Amino acid sequence: MFLPELLNQVGPLVIKTVIGLVITGLLGVIMWPIKRASKEWKALKEEQASIHTELVRQRENCLSTLQAQGATMIELQSKTVGILEGVRLDLAEQTGYLRAGFTPLRRRTAKK
């Protein structure tokens, strides 16, 4: 007598609990791939951000190196221009001496 009354009162609770657990399990099975895909998406985004950061750092390093080398190259080119200017002046002076020293002599020819 007591058992049927207890089953009548507890039975709906057990059924609701079992249905709730089944629905929760199904939602967990459905949500598992979505959560995994979400984690992978976040990992890909973080990797992309780290790659972007590394590329920006490399570009800044390259630009600063080029800038430093640019100042050195300008200094070296200025020295080269100065040396070539001196060579040009020496060559002009040497050419002048050679022209002065090797002027052809006019020979006088006997008049007939």
PDB file of N, CA and C in Angstrom:
ATOM      1  N   MET A   1       0.796  -1.185   0.000  1.00  0.00           N
ATOM      2  CA  MET A   1       0.000   0.000   0.000  1.00  0.00           C
ATOM      3  C   MET A   1       0.850   1.267   0.000  1.00  0.00           C
ATOM      4  N   PHE A   2       1.837   1.243   0.740  1.00  0.00           N
ATOM      5  CA  PHE A   2       2.702   2.415   0.809  1.00  0.00           C
ATOM      6  C   PHE A   2       3.548   2.571  -0.463  1.00  0.00           C
ATOM      7  N   LEU A   3       3.946   1.450  -1.045  1.00  0.00           N
ATOM      8  CA  LEU A   3       4.791   1.457  -2.229  1.00  0.00           C
ATOM      9  C   LEU A   3       4.087   2.047  -3.449  1.00  0.00           C
ATOM     10  N   PRO A   4       2.851   1.705  -3.753  1.00  0.00           N
ATOM     11  CA  PRO A   4       2.208   2.319  -4.920  1.00  0.00           C
ATOM     12  C   PRO A   4       2.010   3.815  -4.755  1.00  0.00           C
ATOM     13  N   GLU A   5       1.733   4.273  -3.564  1.00  0.00           N
ATOM     14  CA  GLU A   5       1.568   5.705  -3.362  1.00  0.00           C
ATOM     15  C   GLU A   5       2.913   6.432  -3.534  1.00  0.00           C
ATOM     16  N   LEU A   6       3.975   5.789  -3.059  1.00  0.00           N
ATOM     17  CA  LEU A   6       5.309   6.371  -3.205  1.00  0.00           C
ATOM     18  C   LEU A   6       5.707   6.433  -4.678  1.00  0.00           C
ATOM     19  N   LEU A   7       5.432   5.369  -5.434  1.00  0.00           N
ATOM     20  CA  LEU A   7       5.733   5.361  -6.868  1.00  0.00           C
ATOM     21  C   LEU A   7       4.905   6.396  -7.609  1.00  0.00           C
ATOM     22  N   ASN A   8       3.696   6.624  -7.199  1.00  0.00           N
ATOM     23  CA  ASN A   8       2.859   7.643  -7.843  1.00  0.00           C
ATOM     24  C   ASN A   8       3.412   9.041  -7.594  1.00  0.00           C
ATOM     25  N   GLN A   9       3.998   9.261  -6.420  1.00  0.00           N
ATOM     26  CA  GLN A   9       4.533  10.583  -6.121  1.00  0.00           C
ATOM     27  C   GLN A   9       5.952  10.767  -6.675  1.00  0.00           C
ATOM     28  N   VAL A  10       6.780   9.727  -6.625  1.00  0.00           N
ATOM     29  CA  VAL A  10       8.172   9.815  -7.050  1.00  0.00           C
ATOM     30  C   VAL A  10       8.305   9.549  -8.542  1.00  0.00           C
ATOM     31  N   GLY A  11       7.423   8.804  -9.118  1.00  0.00           N
ATOM     32  CA  GLY A  11       7.488   8.425 -10.535  1.00  0.00           C
ATOM     33  C   GLY A  11       7.628   9.616 -11.471  1.00  0.00           C
ATOM     34  N   PRO A  12       6.784  10.654 -11.383  1.00  0.00           N
ATOM     35  CA  PRO A  12       6.942  11.804 -12.268  1.00  0.00           C
ATOM     36  C   PRO A  12       8.280  12.515 -12.076  1.00  0.00           C
ATOM     37  N   LEU A  13       8.770  12.553 -10.817  1.00  0.00           N
ATOM     38  CA  LEU A  13      10.066  13.186 -10.571  1.00  0.00           C
ATOM     39  C   LEU A  13      11.197  12.400 -11.236  1.00  0.00           C
ATOM     40  N   VAL A  14      11.127  11.072 -11.166  1.00  0.00           N
ATOM     41  CA  VAL A  14      12.154  10.233 -11.783  1.00  0.00           C
ATOM     42  C   VAL A  14      12.112  10.396 -13.293  1.00  0.00           C
ATOM     43  N   ILE A  15      10.930  10.426 -13.854  1.00  0.00           N
ATOM     44  CA  ILE A  15      10.791  10.580 -15.308  1.00  0.00           C
ATOM     45  C   ILE A  15      11.338  11.939 -15.744  1.00  0.00           C
ATOM     46  N   LYS A  16      10.987  12.984 -15.003  1.00  0.00           N
ATOM     47  CA  LYS A  16      11.497  14.321 -15.331  1.00  0.00           C
ATOM     48  C   LYS A  16      13.020  14.365 -15.210  1.00  0.00           C
ATOM     49  N   THR A  17      13.556  13.718 -14.190  1.00  0.00           N
ATOM     50  CA  THR A  17      15.000  13.695 -13.995  1.00  0.00           C
ATOM     51  C   THR A  17      15.683  12.956 -15.143  1.00  0.00           C
ATOM     52  N   VAL A  18      15.150  11.808 -15.510  1.00  0.00           N
ATOM     53  CA  VAL A  18      15.742  11.032 -16.603  1.00  0.00           C
ATOM     54  C   VAL A  18      15.665  11.817 -17.908  1.00  0.00           C
ATOM     55  N   ILE A  19      14.540  12.434 -18.191  1.00  0.00           N
ATOM     56  CA  ILE A  19      14.392  13.233 -19.405  1.00  0.00           C
ATOM     57  C   ILE A  19      15.366  14.409 -19.377  1.00  0.00           C
ATOM     58  N   GLY A  20      15.521  15.059 -18.219  1.00  0.00           N
ATOM     59  CA  GLY A  20      16.460  16.167 -18.091  1.00  0.00           C
ATOM     60  C   GLY A  20      17.897  15.720 -18.342  1.00  0.00           C
ATOM     61  N   LEU A  21      18.273  14.560 -17.795  1.00  0.00           N
ATOM     62  CA  LEU A  21      19.619  14.034 -18.008  1.00  0.00           C
ATOM     63  C   LEU A  21      19.856  13.670 -19.477  1.00  0.00           C
ATOM     64  N   VAL A  22      18.856  13.099 -20.119  1.00  0.00           N
ATOM     65  CA  VAL A  22      18.987  12.744 -21.544  1.00  0.00           C
ATOM     66  C   VAL A  22      19.142  14.013 -22.384  1.00  0.00           C
ATOM     67  N   ILE A  23      18.340  15.011 -22.102  1.00  0.00           N
ATOM     68  CA  ILE A  23      18.440  16.271 -22.860  1.00  0.00           C
ATOM     69  C   ILE A  23      19.796  16.932 -22.617  1.00  0.00           C
ATOM     70  N   THR A  24      20.257  16.928 -21.363  1.00  0.00           N
ATOM     71  CA  THR A  24      21.564  17.501 -21.048  1.00  0.00           C
ATOM     72  C   THR A  24      22.673  16.738 -21.784  1.00  0.00           C
ATOM     73  N   GLY A  25      22.602  15.429 -21.815  1.00  0.00           N
ATOM     74  CA  GLY A  25      23.586  14.619 -22.530  1.00  0.00           C
ATOM     75  C   GLY A  25      23.584  14.918 -24.019  1.00  0.00           C
ATOM     76  N   LEU A  26      22.373  15.028 -24.596  1.00  0.00           N
ATOM     77  CA  LEU A  26      22.274  15.340 -26.025  1.00  0.00           C
ATOM     78  C   LEU A  26      22.843  16.728 -26.328  1.00  0.00           C
ATOM     79  N   LEU A  27      22.539  17.698 -25.473  1.00  0.00           N
ATOM     80  CA  LEU A  27      23.097  19.042 -25.678  1.00  0.00           C
ATOM     81  C   LEU A  27      24.616  19.031 -25.545  1.00  0.00           C
ATOM     82  N   GLY A  28      25.131  18.239 -24.591  1.00  0.00           N
ATOM     83  CA  GLY A  28      26.580  18.125 -24.449  1.00  0.00           C
ATOM     84  C   GLY A  28      27.219  17.520 -25.687  1.00  0.00           C
ATOM     85  N   VAL A  29      26.579  16.501 -26.247  1.00  0.00           N
ATOM     86  CA  VAL A  29      27.103  15.868 -27.462  1.00  0.00           C
ATOM     87  C   VAL A  29      27.035  16.837 -28.640  1.00  0.00           C
ATOM     88  N   ILE A  30      25.983  17.628 -28.704  1.00  0.00           N
ATOM     89  CA  ILE A  30      25.842  18.597 -29.791  1.00  0.00           C
ATOM     90  C   ILE A  30      26.836  19.746 -29.619  1.00  0.00           C
ATOM     91  N   MET A  31      27.037  20.202 -28.378  1.00  0.00           N
ATOM     92  CA  MET A  31      27.893  21.358 -28.126  1.00  0.00           C
ATOM     93  C   MET A  31      29.387  21.014 -28.163  1.00  0.00           C
ATOM     94  N   TRP A  32      29.770  19.754 -27.997  1.00  0.00           N
ATOM     95  CA  TRP A  32      31.185  19.382 -27.947  1.00  0.00           C
ATOM     96  C   TRP A  32      31.948  19.790 -29.211  1.00  0.00           C
ATOM     97  N   PRO A  33      31.449  19.486 -30.424  1.00  0.00           N
ATOM     98  CA  PRO A  33      32.194  19.923 -31.617  1.00  0.00           C
ATOM     99  C   PRO A  33      32.230  21.446 -31.760  1.00  0.00           C
ATOM    100  N   ILE A  34      31.162  22.101 -31.317  1.00  0.00           N
ATOM    101  CA  ILE A  34      31.127  23.559 -31.421  1.00  0.00           C
ATOM    102  C   ILE A  34      32.169  24.164 -30.481  1.00  0.00           C
ATOM    103  N   LYS A  35      32.283  23.655 -29.265  1.00  0.00           N
ATOM    104  CA  LYS A  35      33.287  24.159 -28.323  1.00  0.00           C
ATOM    105  C   LYS A  35      34.692  23.879 -28.832  1.00  0.00           C
ATOM    106  N   ARG A  36      34.902  22.705 -29.403  1.00  0.00           N
ATOM    107  CA  ARG A  36      36.223  22.362 -29.929  1.00  0.00           C
ATOM    108  C   ARG A  36      36.593  23.272 -31.094  1.00  0.00           C
ATOM    109  N   ALA A  37      35.632  23.502 -31.991  1.00  0.00           N
ATOM    110  CA  ALA A  37      35.888  24.402 -33.120  1.00  0.00           C
ATOM    111  C   ALA A  37      36.167  25.819 -32.625  1.00  0.00           C
ATOM    112  N   SER A  38      35.464  26.231 -31.593  1.00  0.00           N
ATOM    113  CA  SER A  38      35.688  27.561 -31.024  1.00  0.00           C
ATOM    114  C   SER A  38      37.094  27.673 -30.438  1.00  0.00           C
ATOM    115  N   LYS A  39      37.548  26.640 -29.732  1.00  0.00           N
ATOM    116  CA  LYS A  39      38.900  26.655 -29.175  1.00  0.00           C
ATOM    117  C   LYS A  39      39.945  26.700 -30.279  1.00  0.00           C
ATOM    118  N   GLU A  40      39.739  25.912 -31.327  1.00  0.00           N
ATOM    119  CA  GLU A  40      40.689  25.913 -32.442  1.00  0.00           C
ATOM    120  C   GLU A  40      40.696  27.268 -33.146  1.00  0.00           C
ATOM    121  N   TRP A  41      39.535  27.877 -33.293  1.00  0.00           N
ATOM    122  CA  TRP A  41      39.452  29.194 -33.920  1.00  0.00           C
ATOM    123  C   TRP A  41      40.232  30.230 -33.106  1.00  0.00           C
ATOM    124  N   LYS A  42      40.063  30.181 -31.781  1.00  0.00           N
ATOM    125  CA  LYS A  42      40.802  31.103 -30.915  1.00  0.00           C
ATOM    126  C   LYS A  42      42.304  30.860 -31.019  1.00  0.00           C
ATOM    127  N   ALA A  43      42.712  29.582 -31.081  1.00  0.00           N
ATOM    128  CA  ALA A  43      44.136  29.260 -31.206  1.00  0.00           C
ATOM    129  C   ALA A  43      44.688  29.793 -32.529  1.00  0.00           C
ATOM    130  N   LEU A  44      43.918  29.653 -33.609  1.00  0.00           N
ATOM    131  CA  LEU A  44      44.354  30.171 -34.908  1.00  0.00           C
ATOM    132  C   LEU A  44      44.480  31.690 -34.881  1.00  0.00           C
ATOM    133  N   LYS A  45      43.529  32.354 -34.248  1.00  0.00           N
ATOM    134  CA  LYS A  45      43.580  33.813 -34.151  1.00  0.00           C
ATOM    135  C   LYS A  45      44.791  34.266 -33.335  1.00  0.00           C
ATOM    136  N   GLU A  46      45.077  33.572 -32.238  1.00  0.00           N
ATOM    137  CA  GLU A  46      46.250  33.910 -31.426  1.00  0.00           C
ATOM    138  C   GLU A  46      47.539  33.685 -32.215  1.00  0.00           C
ATOM    139  N   GLU A  47      47.588  32.596 -32.972  1.00  0.00           N
ATOM    140  CA  GLU A  47      48.770  32.314 -33.794  1.00  0.00           C
ATOM    141  C   GLU A  47      48.946  33.393 -34.858  1.00  0.00           C
ATOM    142  N   GLN A  48      47.847  33.792 -35.474  1.00  0.00           N
ATOM    143  CA  GLN A  48      47.904  34.845 -36.491  1.00  0.00           C
ATOM    144  C   GLN A  48      48.382  36.162 -35.868  1.00  0.00           C
ATOM    145  N   ALA A  49      47.909  36.470 -34.679  1.00  0.00           N
ATOM    146  CA  ALA A  49      48.336  37.692 -34.000  1.00  0.00           C
ATOM    147  C   ALA A  49      49.829  37.633 -33.666  1.00  0.00           C
ATOM    148  N   SER A  50      50.312  36.477 -33.235  1.00  0.00           N
ATOM    149  CA  SER A  50      51.740  36.358 -32.918  1.00  0.00           C
ATOM    150  C   SER A  50      52.587  36.467 -34.182  1.00  0.00           C
ATOM    151  N   ILE A  51      52.112  35.910 -35.293  1.00  0.00           N
ATOM    152  CA  ILE A  51      52.830  36.031 -36.565  1.00  0.00           C
ATOM    153  C   ILE A  51      52.866  37.495 -36.998  1.00  0.00           C
ATOM    154  N   HIS A  52      51.758  38.181 -36.851  1.00  0.00           N
ATOM    155  CA  HIS A  52      51.701  39.605 -37.206  1.00  0.00           C
ATOM    156  C   HIS A  52      52.687  40.404 -36.347  1.00  0.00           C
ATOM    157  N   THR A  53      52.720  40.118 -35.061  1.00  0.00           N
ATOM    158  CA  THR A  53      53.638  40.816 -34.161  1.00  0.00           C
ATOM    159  C   THR A  53      55.090  40.571 -34.577  1.00  0.00           C
ATOM    160  N   GLU A  54      55.408  39.325 -34.914  1.00  0.00           N
ATOM    161  CA  GLU A  54      56.772  38.989 -35.331  1.00  0.00           C
ATOM    162  C   GLU A  54      57.132  39.697 -36.635  1.00  0.00           C
ATOM    163  N   LEU A  55      56.213  39.752 -37.580  1.00  0.00           N
ATOM    164  CA  LEU A  55      56.485  40.440 -38.846  1.00  0.00           C
ATOM    165  C   LEU A  55      56.690  41.938 -38.635  1.00  0.00           C
ATOM    166  N   VAL A  56      55.901  42.524 -37.762  1.00  0.00           N
ATOM    167  CA  VAL A  56      56.076  43.957 -37.466  1.00  0.00           C
ATOM    168  C   VAL A  56      57.440  44.190 -36.831  1.00  0.00           C
ATOM    169  N   ARG A  57      57.845  43.318 -35.903  1.00  0.00           N
ATOM    170  CA  ARG A  57      59.149  43.452 -35.255  1.00  0.00           C
ATOM    171  C   ARG A  57      60.273  43.310 -36.285  1.00  0.00           C
ATOM    172  N   GLN A  58      60.161  42.343 -37.188  1.00  0.00           N
ATOM    173  CA  GLN A  58      61.186  42.163 -38.218  1.00  0.00           C
ATOM    174  C   GLN A  58      61.263  43.372 -39.142  1.00  0.00           C
ATOM    175  N   ARG A  59      60.104  43.923 -39.502  1.00  0.00           N
ATOM    176  CA  ARG A  59      60.090  45.095 -40.382  1.00  0.00           C
ATOM    177  C   ARG A  59      60.744  46.285 -39.696  1.00  0.00           C
ATOM    178  N   GLU A  60      60.446  46.493 -38.415  1.00  0.00           N
ATOM    179  CA  GLU A  60      61.047  47.606 -37.681  1.00  0.00           C
ATOM    180  C   GLU A  60      62.559  47.423 -37.564  1.00  0.00           C
ATOM    181  N   ASN A  61      62.995  46.189 -37.303  1.00  0.00           N
ATOM    182  CA  ASN A  61      64.435  45.925 -37.220  1.00  0.00           C
ATOM    183  C   ASN A  61      65.105  46.191 -38.562  1.00  0.00           C
ATOM    184  N   CYS A  62      64.464  45.763 -39.633  1.00  0.00           N
ATOM    185  CA  CYS A  62      65.030  45.960 -40.968  1.00  0.00           C
ATOM    186  C   CYS A  62      65.120  47.451 -41.297  1.00  0.00           C
ATOM    187  N   LEU A  63      64.062  48.186 -40.999  1.00  0.00           N
ATOM    188  CA  LEU A  63      64.068  49.613 -41.294  1.00  0.00           C
ATOM    189  C   LEU A  63      65.106  50.361 -40.471  1.00  0.00           C
ATOM    190  N   SER A  64      65.253  49.997 -39.210  1.00  0.00           N
ATOM    191  CA  SER A  64      66.265  50.673 -38.387  1.00  0.00           C
ATOM    192  C   SER A  64      67.666  50.329 -38.872  1.00  0.00           C
ATOM    193  N   THR A  65      67.876  49.082 -39.310  1.00  0.00           N
ATOM    194  CA  THR A  65      69.182  48.692 -39.853  1.00  0.00           C
ATOM    195  C   THR A  65      69.467  49.459 -41.137  1.00  0.00           C
ATOM    196  N   LEU A  66      68.479  49.537 -42.009  1.00  0.00           N
ATOM    197  CA  LEU A  66      68.666  50.284 -43.257  1.00  0.00           C
ATOM    198  C   LEU A  66      68.928  51.761 -42.988  1.00  0.00           C
ATOM    199  N   GLN A  67      68.252  52.304 -41.998  1.00  0.00           N
ATOM    200  CA  GLN A  67      68.455  53.707 -41.655  1.00  0.00           C
ATOM    201  C   GLN A  67      69.876  53.931 -41.150  1.00  0.00           C
ATOM    202  N   ALA A  68      70.352  53.040 -40.298  1.00  0.00           N
ATOM    203  CA  ALA A  68      71.722  53.162 -39.789  1.00  0.00           C
ATOM    204  C   ALA A  68      72.736  52.976 -40.914  1.00  0.00           C
ATOM    205  N   GLN A  69      72.478  52.018 -41.789  1.00  0.00           N
ATOM    206  CA  GLN A  69      73.384  51.794 -42.912  1.00  0.00           C
ATOM    207  C   GLN A  69      73.330  52.960 -43.891  1.00  0.00           C
ATOM    208  N   GLY A  70      72.174  53.586 -44.012  1.00  0.00           N
ATOM    209  CA  GLY A  70      72.027  54.720 -44.919  1.00  0.00           C
ATOM    210  C   GLY A  70      72.933  55.865 -44.515  1.00  0.00           C
ATOM    211  N   ALA A  71      73.005  56.165 -43.227  1.00  0.00           N
ATOM    212  CA  ALA A  71      73.880  57.244 -42.757  1.00  0.00           C
ATOM    213  C   ALA A  71      75.340  56.898 -43.032  1.00  0.00           C
ATOM    214  N   THR A  72      75.715  55.647 -42.810  1.00  0.00           N
ATOM    215  CA  THR A  72      77.084  55.215 -43.086  1.00  0.00           C
ATOM    216  C   THR A  72      77.383  55.292 -44.579  1.00  0.00           C
ATOM    217  N   MET A  73      76.432  54.873 -45.391  1.00  0.00           N
ATOM    218  CA  MET A  73      76.637  54.908 -46.852  1.00  0.00           C
ATOM    219  C   MET A  73      76.790  56.349 -47.346  1.00  0.00           C
ATOM    220  N   ILE A  74      76.025  57.261 -46.806  1.00  0.00           N
ATOM    221  CA  ILE A  74      76.145  58.669 -47.212  1.00  0.00           C
ATOM    222  C   ILE A  74      77.524  59.195 -46.836  1.00  0.00           C
ATOM    223  N   GLU A  75      78.003  58.845 -45.644  1.00  0.00           N
ATOM    224  CA  GLU A  75      79.329  59.283 -45.212  1.00  0.00           C
ATOM    225  C   GLU A  75      80.417  58.711 -46.125  1.00  0.00           C
ATOM    226  N   LEU A  76      80.304  57.410 -46.443  1.00  0.00           N
ATOM    227  CA  LEU A  76      81.308  56.790 -47.314  1.00  0.00           C
ATOM    228  C   LEU A  76      81.263  57.363 -48.728  1.00  0.00           C
ATOM    229  N   GLN A  77      80.071  57.643 -49.227  1.00  0.00           N
ATOM    230  CA  GLN A  77      79.955  58.228 -50.564  1.00  0.00           C
ATOM    231  C   GLN A  77      80.529  59.646 -50.583  1.00  0.00           C
ATOM    232  N   SER A  78      80.355  60.393 -49.506  1.00  0.00           N
ATOM    233  CA  SER A  78      80.938  61.734 -49.435  1.00  0.00           C
ATOM    234  C   SER A  78      82.459  61.662 -49.477  1.00  0.00           C
ATOM    235  N   LYS A  79      83.028  60.692 -48.747  1.00  0.00           N
ATOM    236  CA  LYS A  79      84.481  60.507 -48.782  1.00  0.00           C
ATOM    237  C   LYS A  79      84.938  60.120 -50.183  1.00  0.00           C
ATOM    238  N   THR A  80      84.183  59.226 -50.839  1.00  0.00           N
ATOM    239  CA  THR A  80      84.535  58.791 -52.191  1.00  0.00           C
ATOM    240  C   THR A  80      84.494  59.957 -53.165  1.00  0.00           C
ATOM    241  N   VAL A  81      83.499  60.812 -53.051  1.00  0.00           N
ATOM    242  CA  VAL A  81      83.394  61.985 -53.922  1.00  0.00           C
ATOM    243  C   VAL A  81      84.578  62.910 -53.688  1.00  0.00           C
ATOM    244  N   GLY A  82      84.967  63.086 -52.438  1.00  0.00           N
ATOM    245  CA  GLY A  82      86.124  63.927 -52.137  1.00  0.00           C
ATOM    246  C   GLY A  82      87.400  63.368 -52.749  1.00  0.00           C
ATOM    247  N   ILE A  83      87.589  62.056 -52.653  1.00  0.00           N
ATOM    248  CA  ILE A  83      88.780  61.420 -53.234  1.00  0.00           C
ATOM    249  C   ILE A  83      88.761  61.560 -54.750  1.00  0.00           C
ATOM    250  N   LEU A  84      87.599  61.309 -55.362  1.00  0.00           N
ATOM    251  CA  LEU A  84      87.501  61.413 -56.822  1.00  0.00           C
ATOM    252  C   LEU A  84      87.685  62.850 -57.292  1.00  0.00           C
ATOM    253  N   GLU A  85      87.278  63.808 -56.502  1.00  0.00           N
ATOM    254  CA  GLU A  85      87.490  65.220 -56.841  1.00  0.00           C
ATOM    255  C   GLU A  85      88.986  65.520 -56.898  1.00  0.00           C
ATOM    256  N   GLY A  86      89.728  64.997 -55.898  1.00  0.00           N
ATOM    257  CA  GLY A  86      91.174  65.175 -55.891  1.00  0.00           C
ATOM    258  C   GLY A  86      91.830  64.491 -57.085  1.00  0.00           C
ATOM    259  N   VAL A  87      91.365  63.306 -57.438  1.00  0.00           N
ATOM    260  CA  VAL A  87      91.907  62.594 -58.591  1.00  0.00           C
ATOM    261  C   VAL A  87      91.623  63.376 -59.866  1.00  0.00           C
ATOM    262  N   ARG A  88      90.458  63.934 -59.977  1.00  0.00           N
ATOM    263  CA  ARG A  88      90.092  64.705 -61.172  1.00  0.00           C
ATOM    264  C   ARG A  88      91.006  65.917 -61.316  1.00  0.00           C
ATOM    265  N   LEU A  89      91.247  66.613 -60.203  1.00  0.00           N
ATOM    266  CA  LEU A  89      92.118  67.786 -60.261  1.00  0.00           C
ATOM    267  C   LEU A  89      93.554  67.390 -60.628  1.00  0.00           C
ATOM    268  N   ASP A  90      94.040  66.294 -60.048  1.00  0.00           N
ATOM    269  CA  ASP A  90      95.385  65.824 -60.379  1.00  0.00           C
ATOM    270  C   ASP A  90      95.488  65.438 -61.844  1.00  0.00           C
ATOM    271  N   LEU A  91      94.459  64.775 -62.357  1.00  0.00           N
ATOM    272  CA  LEU A  91      94.447  64.369 -63.760  1.00  0.00           C
ATOM    273  C   LEU A  91      94.416  65.585 -64.681  1.00  0.00           C
ATOM    274  N   ALA A  92      93.659  66.600 -64.317  1.00  0.00           N
ATOM    275  CA  ALA A  92      93.598  67.811 -65.134  1.00  0.00           C
ATOM    276  C   ALA A  92      94.960  68.500 -65.147  1.00  0.00           C
ATOM    277  N   GLU A  93      95.605  68.542 -63.985  1.00  0.00           N
ATOM    278  CA  GLU A  93      96.923  69.171 -63.915  1.00  0.00           C
ATOM    279  C   GLU A  93      97.938  68.375 -64.743  1.00  0.00           C
ATOM    280  N   GLN A  94      97.893  67.064 -64.640  1.00  0.00           N
ATOM    281  CA  GLN A  94      98.811  66.213 -65.404  1.00  0.00           C
ATOM    282  C   GLN A  94      98.574  66.358 -66.905  1.00  0.00           C
ATOM    283  N   THR A  95      97.334  66.421 -67.293  1.00  0.00           N
ATOM    284  CA  THR A  95      97.010  66.605 -68.709  1.00  0.00           C
ATOM    285  C   THR A  95      97.533  67.945 -69.204  1.00  0.00           C
ATOM    286  N   GLY A  96      97.438  68.962 -68.394  1.00  0.00           N
ATOM    287  CA  GLY A  96      97.971  70.283 -68.766  1.00  0.00           C
ATOM    288  C   GLY A  96      99.471  70.237 -68.963  1.00  0.00           C
ATOM    289  N   TYR A  97     100.192  69.564 -68.064  1.00  0.00           N
ATOM    290  CA  TYR A  97     101.637  69.439 -68.204  1.00  0.00           C
ATOM    291  C   TYR A  97     102.000  68.674 -69.476  1.00  0.00           C
ATOM    292  N   LEU A  98     101.255  67.609 -69.721  1.00  0.00           N
ATOM    293  CA  LEU A  98     101.557  66.819 -70.914  1.00  0.00           C
ATOM    294  C   LEU A  98     101.305  67.617 -72.194  1.00  0.00           C
ATOM    295  N   ARG A  99     100.259  68.374 -72.210  1.00  0.00           N
ATOM    296  CA  ARG A  99      99.969  69.185 -73.396  1.00  0.00           C
ATOM    297  C   ARG A  99     101.038  70.264 -73.589  1.00  0.00           C
ATOM    298  N   ALA A 100     101.465  70.832 -72.509  1.00  0.00           N
ATOM    299  CA  ALA A 100     102.481  71.879 -72.606  1.00  0.00           C
ATOM    300  C   ALA A 100     103.816  71.288 -73.044  1.00  0.00           C
ATOM    301  N   GLY A 101     104.136  70.121 -72.608  1.00  0.00           N
ATOM    302  CA  GLY A 101     105.409  69.520 -72.917  1.00  0.00           C
ATOM    303  C   GLY A 101     105.491  68.900 -74.297  1.00  0.00           C
ATOM    304  N   PHE A 102     104.422  68.532 -74.859  1.00  0.00           N
ATOM    305  CA  PHE A 102     104.423  67.833 -76.136  1.00  0.00           C
ATOM    306  C   PHE A 102     103.737  68.619 -77.239  1.00  0.00           C
ATOM    307  N   THR A 103     103.905  69.881 -77.228  1.00  0.00           N
ATOM    308  CA  THR A 103     103.326  70.644 -78.331  1.00  0.00           C
ATOM    309  C   THR A 103     104.193  70.410 -79.559  1.00  0.00           C
ATOM    310  N   PRO A 104     103.582  70.146 -80.656  1.00  0.00           N
ATOM    311  CA  PRO A 104     104.373  69.874 -81.869  1.00  0.00           C
ATOM    312  C   PRO A 104     105.125  71.119 -82.315  1.00  0.00           C
ATOM    313  N   LEU A 105     106.317  70.930 -82.712  1.00  0.00           N
ATOM    314  CA  LEU A 105     107.146  72.038 -83.230  1.00  0.00           C
ATOM    315  C   LEU A 105     106.851  72.202 -84.715  1.00  0.00           C
ATOM    316  N   ARG A 106     106.806  73.433 -85.093  1.00  0.00           N
ATOM    317  CA  ARG A 106     106.567  73.695 -86.520  1.00  0.00           C
ATOM    318  C   ARG A 106     107.929  73.736 -87.210  1.00  0.00           C
ATOM    319  N   ARG A 107     108.044  72.977 -88.171  1.00  0.00           N
ATOM    320  CA  ARG A 107     109.270  73.004 -88.940  1.00  0.00           C
ATOM    321  C   ARG A 107     109.147  73.986 -90.069  1.00  0.00           C
ATOM    322  N   ARG A 108     110.189  74.650 -90.207  1.00  0.00           N
ATOM    323  CA  ARG A 108     110.179  75.612 -91.308  1.00  0.00           C
ATOM    324  C   ARG A 108     110.630  74.893 -92.563  1.00  0.00           C
ATOM    325  N   THR A 109     109.935  75.113 -93.497  1.00  0.00           N
ATOM    326  CA  THR A 109     110.323  74.508 -94.766  1.00  0.00           C
ATOM    327  C   THR A 109     111.017  75.574 -95.624  1.00  0.00           C
ATOM    328  N   ALA A 110     111.914  75.110 -96.359  1.00  0.00           N
ATOM    329  CA  ALA A 110     112.654  76.037 -97.210  1.00  0.00           C
ATOM    330  C   ALA A 110     111.740  76.601 -98.288  1.00  0.00           C
ATOM    331  N   LYS A 111     111.917  77.852 -98.490  1.00  0.00           N
ATOM    332  CA  LYS A 111     111.072  78.518 -99.500  1.00  0.00           C
ATOM    333  C   LYS A 111     111.703  78.272-100.861  1.00  0.00           C
ATOM    334  N   LYS A 112     110.983  78.053-101.781  1.00  0.00           N
ATOM    335  CA  LYS A 112     111.461  77.824-103.129  1.00  0.00           C
ATOM    336  C   LYS A 112     111.370  79.043-103.943  1.00  0.00           C
TER     337      LYS A 112
END
